[in-house]
Amino acid sequence: MARGELLEQIYTIVAQIPEGRVTTYGRIARMTDGATARAVGSAMGHLPSGHDLPWHRVINAGLKVTEHGGAVRQREKLRAEGVAFDAKGRVNPELLWP
């Protein structure tokens, strides 16, 4: 599958994540036709400016926000949607989508 088609699949899936829920890079990868979790992470890191995708709802397999330049903003956006973090920075697994 062409890279552009794979990116479209990833972005289509991310657009479906409901407010107050999260999913992982790996879960998204398994819903595509061949992306890896790393490819999903790369796609999230290279979103075009002006996008309206809920990128902040994608977290790592440890149910944590991956530390990167936007990590503080990501946690703030998730908290604003009612997503709580435990003392170790993990999200409740009951909030996983799908």
PDB file of N, CA and C in Angstrom:
ATOM      1  N   MET A   1       0.845  -1.181   0.000  1.00  0.00           N
ATOM      2  CA  MET A   1       0.000   0.000   0.000  1.00  0.00           C
ATOM      3  C   MET A   1       0.888   1.242   0.000  1.00  0.00           C
ATOM      4  N   ALA A   2       0.489   2.227  -0.743  1.00  0.00           N
ATOM      5  CA  ALA A   2       1.255   3.471  -0.846  1.00  0.00           C
ATOM      6  C   ALA A   2       1.223   4.229   0.473  1.00  0.00           C
ATOM      7  N   ARG A   3       2.300   4.942   0.745  1.00  0.00           N
ATOM      8  CA  ARG A   3       2.421   5.699   1.991  1.00  0.00           C
ATOM      9  C   ARG A   3       1.250   6.662   2.189  1.00  0.00           C
ATOM     10  N   GLY A   4       0.864   7.365   1.155  1.00  0.00           N
ATOM     11  CA  GLY A   4      -0.234   8.314   1.261  1.00  0.00           C
ATOM     12  C   GLY A   4      -1.540   7.642   1.642  1.00  0.00           C
ATOM     13  N   GLU A   5      -1.787   6.465   1.099  1.00  0.00           N
ATOM     14  CA  GLU A   5      -3.010   5.727   1.431  1.00  0.00           C
ATOM     15  C   GLU A   5      -2.984   5.269   2.885  1.00  0.00           C
ATOM     16  N   LEU A   6      -1.807   4.840   3.339  1.00  0.00           N
ATOM     17  CA  LEU A   6      -1.669   4.404   4.726  1.00  0.00           C
ATOM     18  C   LEU A   6      -1.895   5.580   5.678  1.00  0.00           C
ATOM     19  N   LEU A   7      -1.339   6.737   5.339  1.00  0.00           N
ATOM     20  CA  LEU A   7      -1.563   7.935   6.161  1.00  0.00           C
ATOM     21  C   LEU A   7      -3.049   8.267   6.218  1.00  0.00           C
ATOM     22  N   GLU A   8      -3.739   8.175   5.098  1.00  0.00           N
ATOM     23  CA  GLU A   8      -5.179   8.442   5.076  1.00  0.00           C
ATOM     24  C   GLU A   8      -5.917   7.485   5.997  1.00  0.00           C
ATOM     25  N   GLN A   9      -5.532   6.199   5.976  1.00  0.00           N
ATOM     26  CA  GLN A   9      -6.162   5.229   6.870  1.00  0.00           C
ATOM     27  C   GLN A   9      -5.937   5.623   8.331  1.00  0.00           C
ATOM     28  N   ILE A  10      -4.709   5.963   8.660  1.00  0.00           N
ATOM     29  CA  ILE A  10      -4.377   6.348  10.035  1.00  0.00           C
ATOM     30  C   ILE A  10      -5.204   7.560  10.449  1.00  0.00           C
ATOM     31  N   TYR A  11      -5.229   8.586   9.615  1.00  0.00           N
ATOM     32  CA  TYR A  11      -5.952   9.810   9.957  1.00  0.00           C
ATOM     33  C   TYR A  11      -7.459   9.573  10.054  1.00  0.00           C
ATOM     34  N   THR A  12      -7.993   8.694   9.217  1.00  0.00           N
ATOM     35  CA  THR A  12      -9.424   8.366   9.276  1.00  0.00           C
ATOM     36  C   THR A  12      -9.765   7.693  10.599  1.00  0.00           C
ATOM     37  N   ILE A  13      -8.901   6.801  11.045  1.00  0.00           N
ATOM     38  CA  ILE A  13      -9.115   6.117  12.325  1.00  0.00           C
ATOM     39  C   ILE A  13      -9.016   7.107  13.479  1.00  0.00           C
ATOM     40  N   VAL A  14      -7.991   7.936  13.487  1.00  0.00           N
ATOM     41  CA  VAL A  14      -7.804   8.910  14.565  1.00  0.00           C
ATOM     42  C   VAL A  14      -9.005   9.850  14.657  1.00  0.00           C
ATOM     43  N   ALA A  15      -9.560  10.224  13.528  1.00  0.00           N
ATOM     44  CA  ALA A  15     -10.713  11.130  13.511  1.00  0.00           C
ATOM     45  C   ALA A  15     -11.926  10.529  14.222  1.00  0.00           C
ATOM     46  N   GLN A  16     -11.971   9.220  14.365  1.00  0.00           N
ATOM     47  CA  GLN A  16     -13.115   8.539  14.967  1.00  0.00           C
ATOM     48  C   GLN A  16     -13.018   8.376  16.480  1.00  0.00           C
ATOM     49  N   ILE A  17     -11.866   8.679  17.065  1.00  0.00           N
ATOM     50  CA  ILE A  17     -11.693   8.477  18.509  1.00  0.00           C
ATOM     51  C   ILE A  17     -12.601   9.467  19.242  1.00  0.00           C
ATOM     52  N   PRO A  18     -13.531   8.958  20.060  1.00  0.00           N
ATOM     53  CA  PRO A  18     -14.457   9.863  20.738  1.00  0.00           C
ATOM     54  C   PRO A  18     -13.788  10.700  21.835  1.00  0.00           C
ATOM     55  N   GLU A  19     -14.364  11.829  22.112  1.00  0.00           N
ATOM     56  CA  GLU A  19     -13.904  12.697  23.192  1.00  0.00           C
ATOM     57  C   GLU A  19     -13.942  11.925  24.506  1.00  0.00           C
ATOM     58  N   GLY A  20     -12.896  12.097  25.308  1.00  0.00           N
ATOM     59  CA  GLY A  20     -12.822  11.433  26.604  1.00  0.00           C
ATOM     60  C   GLY A  20     -12.327  10.001  26.542  1.00  0.00           C
ATOM     61  N   ARG A  21     -11.952   9.549  25.353  1.00  0.00           N
ATOM     62  CA  ARG A  21     -11.422   8.195  25.162  1.00  0.00           C
ATOM     63  C   ARG A  21     -10.034   8.303  24.554  1.00  0.00           C
ATOM     64  N   VAL A  22      -9.266   7.231  24.637  1.00  0.00           N
ATOM     65  CA  VAL A  22      -7.925   7.185  24.055  1.00  0.00           C
ATOM     66  C   VAL A  22      -7.732   5.854  23.339  1.00  0.00           C
ATOM     67  N   THR A  23      -6.721   5.799  22.509  1.00  0.00           N
ATOM     68  CA  THR A  23      -6.291   4.539  21.917  1.00  0.00           C
ATOM     69  C   THR A  23      -4.781   4.598  21.787  1.00  0.00           C
ATOM     70  N   THR A  24      -4.190   3.479  21.431  1.00  0.00           N
ATOM     71  CA  THR A  24      -2.734   3.417  21.348  1.00  0.00           C
ATOM     72  C   THR A  24      -2.268   3.405  19.894  1.00  0.00           C
ATOM     73  N   TYR A  25      -0.999   3.724  19.718  1.00  0.00           N
ATOM     74  CA  TYR A  25      -0.390   3.663  18.398  1.00  0.00           C
ATOM     75  C   TYR A  25      -0.555   2.258  17.810  1.00  0.00           C
ATOM     76  N   GLY A  26      -0.339   1.241  18.634  1.00  0.00           N
ATOM     77  CA  GLY A  26      -0.444  -0.140  18.188  1.00  0.00           C
ATOM     78  C   GLY A  26      -1.849  -0.535  17.789  1.00  0.00           C
ATOM     79  N   ARG A  27      -2.836  -0.096  18.536  1.00  0.00           N
ATOM     80  CA  ARG A  27      -4.226  -0.408  18.188  1.00  0.00           C
ATOM     81  C   ARG A  27      -4.583   0.198  16.840  1.00  0.00           C
ATOM     82  N   ILE A  28      -4.152   1.428  16.626  1.00  0.00           N
ATOM     83  CA  ILE A  28      -4.417   2.061  15.332  1.00  0.00           C
ATOM     84  C   ILE A  28      -3.713   1.277  14.227  1.00  0.00           C
ATOM     85  N   ALA A  29      -2.471   0.900  14.462  1.00  0.00           N
ATOM     86  CA  ALA A  29      -1.718   0.146  13.455  1.00  0.00           C
ATOM     87  C   ALA A  29      -2.443  -1.132  13.069  1.00  0.00           C
ATOM     88  N   ARG A  30      -2.999  -1.831  14.045  1.00  0.00           N
ATOM     89  CA  ARG A  30      -3.700  -3.088  13.760  1.00  0.00           C
ATOM     90  C   ARG A  30      -4.980  -2.874  12.955  1.00  0.00           C
ATOM     91  N   MET A  31      -5.506  -1.661  12.951  1.00  0.00           N
ATOM     92  CA  MET A  31      -6.720  -1.361  12.183  1.00  0.00           C
ATOM     93  C   MET A  31      -6.414  -0.953  10.746  1.00  0.00           C
ATOM     94  N   THR A  32      -5.136  -0.850  10.403  1.00  0.00           N
ATOM     95  CA  THR A  32      -4.743  -0.421   9.058  1.00  0.00           C
ATOM     96  C   THR A  32      -4.304  -1.621   8.221  1.00  0.00           C
ATOM     97  N   ASP A  33      -3.977  -1.350   6.995  1.00  0.00           N
ATOM     98  CA  ASP A  33      -3.475  -2.377   6.084  1.00  0.00           C
ATOM     99  C   ASP A  33      -1.952  -2.393   6.063  1.00  0.00           C
ATOM    100  N   GLY A  34      -1.334  -2.489   7.256  1.00  0.00           N
ATOM    101  CA  GLY A  34       0.110  -2.670   7.276  1.00  0.00           C
ATOM    102  C   GLY A  34       0.944  -1.643   8.004  1.00  0.00           C
ATOM    103  N   ALA A  35       0.341  -0.671   8.647  1.00  0.00           N
ATOM    104  CA  ALA A  35       1.139   0.303   9.406  1.00  0.00           C
ATOM    105  C   ALA A  35       1.694  -0.346  10.667  1.00  0.00           C
ATOM    106  N   THR A  36       2.786   0.179  11.145  1.00  0.00           N
ATOM    107  CA  THR A  36       3.339  -0.233  12.434  1.00  0.00           C
ATOM    108  C   THR A  36       2.997   0.851  13.466  1.00  0.00           C
ATOM    109  N   ALA A  37       3.150   0.513  14.720  1.00  0.00           N
ATOM    110  CA  ALA A  37       2.918   1.509  15.772  1.00  0.00           C
ATOM    111  C   ALA A  37       3.852   2.697  15.578  1.00  0.00           C
ATOM    112  N   ARG A  38       5.072   2.427  15.188  1.00  0.00           N
ATOM    113  CA  ARG A  38       6.041   3.492  14.952  1.00  0.00           C
ATOM    114  C   ARG A  38       5.586   4.407  13.808  1.00  0.00           C
ATOM    115  N   ALA A  39       5.019   3.812  12.757  1.00  0.00           N
ATOM    116  CA  ALA A  39       4.513   4.600  11.626  1.00  0.00           C
ATOM    117  C   ALA A  39       3.347   5.483  12.063  1.00  0.00           C
ATOM    118  N   VAL A  40       2.505   4.957  12.944  1.00  0.00           N
ATOM    119  CA  VAL A  40       1.388   5.756  13.459  1.00  0.00           C
ATOM    120  C   VAL A  40       1.941   6.932  14.263  1.00  0.00           C
ATOM    121  N   GLY A  41       2.934   6.672  15.099  1.00  0.00           N
ATOM    122  CA  GLY A  41       3.558   7.750  15.866  1.00  0.00           C
ATOM    123  C   GLY A  41       4.163   8.805  14.968  1.00  0.00           C
ATOM    124  N   SER A  42       4.811   8.368  13.915  1.00  0.00           N
ATOM    125  CA  SER A  42       5.404   9.301  12.965  1.00  0.00           C
ATOM    126  C   SER A  42       4.320  10.130  12.283  1.00  0.00           C
ATOM    127  N   ALA A  43       3.225   9.485  11.922  1.00  0.00           N
ATOM    128  CA  ALA A  43       2.113  10.202  11.282  1.00  0.00           C
ATOM    129  C   ALA A  43       1.549  11.260  12.225  1.00  0.00           C
ATOM    130  N   MET A  44       1.450  10.932  13.513  1.00  0.00           N
ATOM    131  CA  MET A  44       0.931  11.895  14.491  1.00  0.00           C
ATOM    132  C   MET A  44       1.903  13.059  14.650  1.00  0.00           C
ATOM    133  N   GLY A  45       3.195  12.766  14.574  1.00  0.00           N
ATOM    134  CA  GLY A  45       4.207  13.804  14.729  1.00  0.00           C
ATOM    135  C   GLY A  45       4.360  14.709  13.519  1.00  0.00           C
ATOM    136  N   HIS A  46       3.806  14.291  12.394  1.00  0.00           N
ATOM    137  CA  HIS A  46       3.939  15.063  11.161  1.00  0.00           C
ATOM    138  C   HIS A  46       2.592  15.513  10.605  1.00  0.00           C
ATOM    139  N   LEU A  47       1.640  15.728  11.487  1.00  0.00           N
ATOM    140  CA  LEU A  47       0.330  16.201  11.023  1.00  0.00           C
ATOM    141  C   LEU A  47       0.475  17.561  10.349  1.00  0.00           C
ATOM    142  N   PRO A  48      -0.267  17.770   9.279  1.00  0.00           N
ATOM    143  CA  PRO A  48      -0.190  19.075   8.610  1.00  0.00           C
ATOM    144  C   PRO A  48      -0.752  20.184   9.496  1.00  0.00           C
ATOM    145  N   SER A  49      -0.230  21.371   9.352  1.00  0.00           N
ATOM    146  CA  SER A  49      -0.732  22.484  10.155  1.00  0.00           C
ATOM    147  C   SER A  49      -2.185  22.754   9.794  1.00  0.00           C
ATOM    148  N   GLY A  50      -2.947  23.196  10.764  1.00  0.00           N
ATOM    149  CA  GLY A  50      -4.344  23.514  10.547  1.00  0.00           C
ATOM    150  C   GLY A  50      -5.266  22.303  10.583  1.00  0.00           C
ATOM    151  N   HIS A  51      -4.723  21.133  10.927  1.00  0.00           N
ATOM    152  CA  HIS A  51      -5.560  19.927  10.986  1.00  0.00           C
ATOM    153  C   HIS A  51      -6.515  20.001  12.166  1.00  0.00           C
ATOM    154  N   ASP A  52      -7.550  19.180  12.130  1.00  0.00           N
ATOM    155  CA  ASP A  52      -8.479  19.138  13.256  1.00  0.00           C
ATOM    156  C   ASP A  52      -8.588  17.737  13.846  1.00  0.00           C
ATOM    157  N   LEU A  53      -7.570  16.925  13.629  1.00  0.00           N
ATOM    158  CA  LEU A  53      -7.575  15.568  14.173  1.00  0.00           C
ATOM    159  C   LEU A  53      -7.299  15.579  15.672  1.00  0.00           C
ATOM    160  N   PRO A  54      -7.945  14.693  16.412  1.00  0.00           N
ATOM    161  CA  PRO A  54      -7.720  14.608  17.863  1.00  0.00           C
ATOM    162  C   PRO A  54      -6.458  13.806  18.193  1.00  0.00           C
ATOM    163  N   TRP A  55      -5.319  14.286  17.739  1.00  0.00           N
ATOM    164  CA  TRP A  55      -4.028  13.613  17.917  1.00  0.00           C
ATOM    165  C   TRP A  55      -3.741  13.326  19.389  1.00  0.00           C
ATOM    166  N   HIS A  56      -4.255  14.170  20.264  1.00  0.00           N
ATOM    167  CA  HIS A  56      -3.965  14.046  21.693  1.00  0.00           C
ATOM    168  C   HIS A  56      -4.575  12.784  22.301  1.00  0.00           C
ATOM    169  N   ARG A  57      -5.482  12.135  21.610  1.00  0.00           N
ATOM    170  CA  ARG A  57      -6.137  10.931  22.121  1.00  0.00           C
ATOM    171  C   ARG A  57      -5.361   9.650  21.805  1.00  0.00           C
ATOM    172  N   VAL A  58      -4.189   9.796  21.206  1.00  0.00           N
ATOM    173  CA  VAL A  58      -3.356   8.633  20.875  1.00  0.00           C
ATOM    174  C   VAL A  58      -2.191   8.588  21.859  1.00  0.00           C
ATOM    175  N   ILE A  59      -2.100   7.472  22.587  1.00  0.00           N
ATOM    176  CA  ILE A  59      -1.085   7.311  23.630  1.00  0.00           C
ATOM    177  C   ILE A  59      -0.283   6.028  23.371  1.00  0.00           C
ATOM    178  N   ASN A  60       0.727   5.791  24.197  1.00  0.00           N
ATOM    179  CA  ASN A  60       1.564   4.612  23.971  1.00  0.00           C
ATOM    180  C   ASN A  60       0.977   3.359  24.624  1.00  0.00           C
ATOM    181  N   ALA A  61       1.593   2.223  24.356  1.00  0.00           N
ATOM    182  CA  ALA A  61       1.100   0.929  24.839  1.00  0.00           C
ATOM    183  C   ALA A  61       1.088   0.832  26.358  1.00  0.00           C
ATOM    184  N   GLY A  62       1.904   1.636  27.024  1.00  0.00           N
ATOM    185  CA  GLY A  62       1.923   1.661  28.480  1.00  0.00           C
ATOM    186  C   GLY A  62       0.811   2.513  29.062  1.00  0.00           C
ATOM    187  N   LEU A  63      -0.089   2.977  28.187  1.00  0.00           N
ATOM    188  CA  LEU A  63      -1.222   3.841  28.547  1.00  0.00           C
ATOM    189  C   LEU A  63      -0.763   5.177  29.103  1.00  0.00           C
ATOM    190  N   LYS A  64       0.350   5.658  28.570  1.00  0.00           N
ATOM    191  CA  LYS A  64       0.907   6.949  28.970  1.00  0.00           C
ATOM    192  C   LYS A  64       1.075   7.852  27.756  1.00  0.00           C
ATOM    193  N   VAL A  65       1.167   9.123  28.021  1.00  0.00           N
ATOM    194  CA  VAL A  65       1.519  10.081  26.978  1.00  0.00           C
ATOM    195  C   VAL A  65       3.009   9.916  26.728  1.00  0.00           C
ATOM    196  N   THR A  66       3.384   9.714  25.472  1.00  0.00           N
ATOM    197  CA  THR A  66       4.791   9.610  25.118  1.00  0.00           C
ATOM    198  C   THR A  66       5.441  10.976  25.299  1.00  0.00           C
ATOM    199  N   GLU A  67       6.600  11.006  25.933  1.00  0.00           N
ATOM    200  CA  GLU A  67       7.288  12.273  26.167  1.00  0.00           C
ATOM    201  C   GLU A  67       7.838  12.824  24.856  1.00  0.00           C
ATOM    202  N   HIS A  68       7.350  13.969  24.474  1.00  0.00           N
ATOM    203  CA  HIS A  68       7.759  14.666  23.258  1.00  0.00           C
ATOM    204  C   HIS A  68       7.470  16.138  23.461  1.00  0.00           C
ATOM    205  N   GLY A  69       7.744  16.941  22.493  1.00  0.00           N
ATOM    206  CA  GLY A  69       7.572  18.384  22.615  1.00  0.00           C
ATOM    207  C   GLY A  69       6.171  18.832  22.983  1.00  0.00           C
ATOM    208  N   GLY A  70       5.165  18.072  22.601  1.00  0.00           N
ATOM    209  CA  GLY A  70       3.782  18.457  22.880  1.00  0.00           C
ATOM    210  C   GLY A  70       3.141  17.689  24.017  1.00  0.00           C
ATOM    211  N   ALA A  71       3.937  16.971  24.814  1.00  0.00           N
ATOM    212  CA  ALA A  71       3.389  16.099  25.856  1.00  0.00           C
ATOM    213  C   ALA A  71       2.577  16.858  26.906  1.00  0.00           C
ATOM    214  N   VAL A  72       3.056  18.016  27.324  1.00  0.00           N
ATOM    215  CA  VAL A  72       2.331  18.795  28.335  1.00  0.00           C
ATOM    216  C   VAL A  72       0.978  19.223  27.778  1.00  0.00           C
ATOM    217  N   ARG A  73       0.984  19.724  26.561  1.00  0.00           N
ATOM    218  CA  ARG A  73      -0.264  20.140  25.911  1.00  0.00           C
ATOM    219  C   ARG A  73      -1.204  18.949  25.728  1.00  0.00           C
ATOM    220  N   GLN A  74      -0.653  17.796  25.378  1.00  0.00           N
ATOM    221  CA  GLN A  74      -1.468  16.602  25.185  1.00  0.00           C
ATOM    222  C   GLN A  74      -2.179  16.217  26.475  1.00  0.00           C
ATOM    223  N   ARG A  75      -1.439  16.202  27.590  1.00  0.00           N
ATOM    224  CA  ARG A  75      -2.058  15.879  28.885  1.00  0.00           C
ATOM    225  C   ARG A  75      -3.137  16.900  29.239  1.00  0.00           C
ATOM    226  N   GLU A  76      -2.870  18.171  28.984  1.00  0.00           N
ATOM    227  CA  GLU A  76      -3.862  19.214  29.278  1.00  0.00           C
ATOM    228  C   GLU A  76      -5.136  19.001  28.473  1.00  0.00           C
ATOM    229  N   LYS A  77      -4.988  18.691  27.190  1.00  0.00           N
ATOM    230  CA  LYS A  77      -6.151  18.466  26.335  1.00  0.00           C
ATOM    231  C   LYS A  77      -6.946  17.244  26.807  1.00  0.00           C
ATOM    232  N   LEU A  78      -6.254  16.195  27.204  1.00  0.00           N
ATOM    233  CA  LEU A  78      -6.938  15.006  27.695  1.00  0.00           C
ATOM    234  C   LEU A  78      -7.659  15.296  29.010  1.00  0.00           C
ATOM    235  N   ARG A  79      -6.999  15.986  29.915  1.00  0.00           N
ATOM    236  CA  ARG A  79      -7.655  16.343  31.189  1.00  0.00           C
ATOM    237  C   ARG A  79      -8.904  17.183  30.942  1.00  0.00           C
ATOM    238  N   ALA A  80      -8.835  18.092  29.974  1.00  0.00           N
ATOM    239  CA  ALA A  80      -9.986  18.936  29.653  1.00  0.00           C
ATOM    240  C   ALA A  80     -11.167  18.104  29.149  1.00  0.00           C
ATOM    241  N   GLU A  81     -10.892  16.920  28.632  1.00  0.00           N
ATOM    242  CA  GLU A  81     -11.943  16.018  28.165  1.00  0.00           C
ATOM    243  C   GLU A  81     -12.368  15.036  29.254  1.00  0.00           C
ATOM    244  N   GLY A  82     -11.803  15.179  30.458  1.00  0.00           N
ATOM    245  CA  GLY A  82     -12.176  14.303  31.564  1.00  0.00           C
ATOM    246  C   GLY A  82     -11.328  13.066  31.717  1.00  0.00           C
ATOM    247  N   VAL A  83     -10.230  12.977  30.976  1.00  0.00           N
ATOM    248  CA  VAL A  83      -9.329  11.832  31.089  1.00  0.00           C
ATOM    249  C   VAL A  83      -8.396  12.084  32.268  1.00  0.00           C
ATOM    250  N   ALA A  84      -8.419  11.164  33.227  1.00  0.00           N
ATOM    251  CA  ALA A  84      -7.574  11.289  34.417  1.00  0.00           C
ATOM    252  C   ALA A  84      -6.355  10.376  34.282  1.00  0.00           C
ATOM    253  N   PHE A  85      -5.304  10.734  34.980  1.00  0.00           N
ATOM    254  CA  PHE A  85      -4.071   9.959  35.011  1.00  0.00           C
ATOM    255  C   PHE A  85      -3.834   9.484  36.433  1.00  0.00           C
ATOM    256  N   ASP A  86      -3.303   8.255  36.574  1.00  0.00           N
ATOM    257  CA  ASP A  86      -2.993   7.772  37.913  1.00  0.00           C
ATOM    258  C   ASP A  86      -1.647   8.363  38.356  1.00  0.00           C
ATOM    259  N   ALA A  87      -1.190   7.955  39.522  1.00  0.00           N
ATOM    260  CA  ALA A  87       0.045   8.506  40.085  1.00  0.00           C
ATOM    261  C   ALA A  87       1.266   8.226  39.214  1.00  0.00           C
ATOM    262  N   LYS A  88       1.196   7.199  38.370  1.00  0.00           N
ATOM    263  CA  LYS A  88       2.313   6.865  37.475  1.00  0.00           C
ATOM    264  C   LYS A  88       2.117   7.438  36.081  1.00  0.00           C
ATOM    265  N   GLY A  89       1.093   8.272  35.903  1.00  0.00           N
ATOM    266  CA  GLY A  89       0.865   8.920  34.616  1.00  0.00           C
ATOM    267  C   GLY A  89       0.120   8.084  33.600  1.00  0.00           C
ATOM    268  N   ARG A  90      -0.507   6.997  34.053  1.00  0.00           N
ATOM    269  CA  ARG A  90      -1.234   6.132  33.131  1.00  0.00           C
ATOM    270  C   ARG A  90      -2.713   6.490  33.084  1.00  0.00           C
ATOM    271  N   VAL A  91      -3.309   6.206  31.934  1.00  0.00           N
ATOM    272  CA  VAL A  91      -4.744   6.396  31.731  1.00  0.00           C
ATOM    273  C   VAL A  91      -5.450   5.096  32.123  1.00  0.00           C
ATOM    274  N   ASN A  92      -6.638   5.218  32.661  1.00  0.00           N
ATOM    275  CA  ASN A  92      -7.444   4.048  33.013  1.00  0.00           C
ATOM    276  C   ASN A  92      -7.716   3.227  31.739  1.00  0.00           C
ATOM    277  N   PRO A  93      -7.414   1.924  31.746  1.00  0.00           N
ATOM    278  CA  PRO A  93      -7.622   1.093  30.549  1.00  0.00           C
ATOM    279  C   PRO A  93      -9.085   1.045  30.097  1.00  0.00           C
ATOM    280  N   GLU A  94     -10.006   1.356  30.992  1.00  0.00           N
ATOM    281  CA  GLU A  94     -11.430   1.361  30.615  1.00  0.00           C
ATOM    282  C   GLU A  94     -11.742   2.462  29.605  1.00  0.00           C
ATOM    283  N   LEU A  95     -10.827   3.431  29.448  1.00  0.00           N
ATOM    284  CA  LEU A  95     -11.034   4.515  28.499  1.00  0.00           C
ATOM    285  C   LEU A  95     -10.516   4.201  27.101  1.00  0.00           C
ATOM    286  N   LEU A  96      -9.949   2.985  26.940  1.00  0.00           N
ATOM    287  CA  LEU A  96      -9.419   2.601  25.630  1.00  0.00           C
ATOM    288  C   LEU A  96     -10.539   2.439  24.609  1.00  0.00           C
ATOM    289  N   TRP A  97     -10.280   2.959  23.427  1.00  0.00           N
ATOM    290  CA  TRP A  97     -11.193   2.807  22.303  1.00  0.00           C
ATOM    291  C   TRP A  97     -10.462   2.069  21.213  1.00  0.00           C
ATOM    292  N   PRO A  98     -11.016   1.296  20.411  1.00  0.00           N
ATOM    293  CA  PRO A  98     -12.326   0.656  20.517  1.00  0.00           C
ATOM    294  C   PRO A  98     -12.276  -0.516  21.457  1.00  0.00           C
TER     295      PRO A  98
END
